[in-house]
Amino acid sequence: MPIMNDYKRMPLISSGEWKGGEPETCTWTQGMFHNMYKTKCGHSHYFENGTATDYGFVYCPFCGKPIKDIPYSG
């Protein structure tokens, strides 16, 4: 498993240099019932009131990647 840099959540190669590129995100897609999300890493999450952004979620609690919040587009 690669060493992770907490600031950017990007893997470091063994020499300590940046691997480069943008960190991979975990897409959270809002469902028809706006408080329910499906995650790219295969989980579901429910918020009582509001969205992932409203609750201050920045990183996915399941996989640790930065969250990309996708609103419902019914």
Protein backbone atom coordinates (compact mmCIF):
# COMPACT_ATOMS: atom_id res chain seq x y z
CA MET A 1 0.00 0.00 0.00
CA PRO A 2 1.45 3.41 -0.94
CA ILE A 3 2.30 6.04 1.63
CA MET A 4 -0.38 8.75 1.66
CA ASN A 5 0.16 12.47 2.14
CA ASP A 6 -2.63 13.80 4.38
CA TYR A 7 -2.58 17.30 2.88
CA LYS A 8 -3.45 16.32 -0.69
CA ARG A 9 -4.41 12.64 -0.14
CA MET A 10 -2.06 11.73 -2.98
CA PRO A 11 0.21 8.67 -2.99
CA LEU A 12 3.94 9.22 -2.75
CA ILE A 13 6.36 7.06 -4.68
CA SER A 14 9.14 5.38 -2.69
CA SER A 15 11.67 8.14 -3.45
CA GLY A 16 9.41 10.66 -1.69
CA GLU A 17 8.50 12.55 -4.88
CA TRP A 18 4.91 13.32 -5.88
CA LYS A 19 3.24 10.80 -8.15
CA GLY A 20 1.43 13.80 -9.63
CA GLY A 21 -2.04 14.52 -10.89
CA GLU A 22 -5.25 15.30 -9.07
CA PRO A 23 -6.37 13.02 -6.24
CA GLU A 24 -9.03 10.48 -7.19
CA THR A 25 -12.45 11.38 -5.78
CA CYS A 26 -15.34 9.36 -4.43
CA THR A 27 -18.46 10.55 -6.23
CA TRP A 28 -21.52 10.83 -3.96
CA THR A 29 -24.68 10.90 -6.10
CA GLN A 30 -27.80 12.25 -4.47
CA GLY A 31 -30.86 10.04 -4.98
CA MET A 32 -34.50 10.87 -5.66
CA PHE A 33 -34.96 11.15 -1.90
CA HIS A 34 -32.51 14.01 -1.46
CA ASN A 35 -31.07 12.83 1.85
CA MET A 36 -29.87 9.48 0.42
CA TYR A 37 -26.55 9.16 -1.39
CA LYS A 38 -24.91 6.33 -3.34
CA THR A 39 -21.11 6.40 -3.24
CA LYS A 40 -18.65 5.47 -5.98
CA CYS A 41 -17.00 3.06 -3.51
CA GLY A 42 -20.24 1.04 -3.25
CA HIS A 43 -21.94 2.32 -0.10
CA SER A 44 -25.08 4.29 0.72
CA HIS A 45 -25.35 7.10 3.25
CA TYR A 46 -28.41 8.87 4.66
CA PHE A 47 -28.51 12.38 6.12
CA GLU A 48 -31.41 13.38 8.38
CA ASN A 49 -31.55 16.95 7.01
CA GLY A 50 -29.38 18.51 4.32
CA THR A 51 -26.63 17.31 2.02
CA ALA A 52 -23.11 15.94 2.40
CA THR A 53 -21.80 19.47 1.86
CA ASP A 54 -24.21 20.89 4.48
CA TYR A 55 -22.83 18.41 7.02
CA GLY A 56 -19.24 19.36 6.19
CA PHE A 57 -18.26 16.02 4.67
CA VAL A 58 -14.99 16.48 2.75
CA TYR A 59 -13.64 12.92 2.73
CA CYS A 60 -15.59 9.70 2.26
CA PRO A 61 -15.77 7.85 5.60
CA PHE A 62 -15.76 4.54 3.71
CA CYS A 63 -12.74 4.88 1.38
CA GLY A 64 -11.04 8.11 2.56
CA LYS A 65 -11.02 9.84 -0.84
CA PRO A 66 -12.21 13.45 -1.31
CA ILE A 67 -15.97 13.62 -1.95
CA LYS A 68 -17.40 14.98 -5.18
CA ASP A 69 -21.03 15.81 -4.35
CA ILE A 70 -23.41 15.30 -7.31
CA PRO A 71 -26.93 16.75 -6.77
CA TYR A 72 -30.05 14.91 -7.86
CA SER A 73 -30.97 15.63 -11.48
CA GLY A 74 -34.30 13.81 -11.80
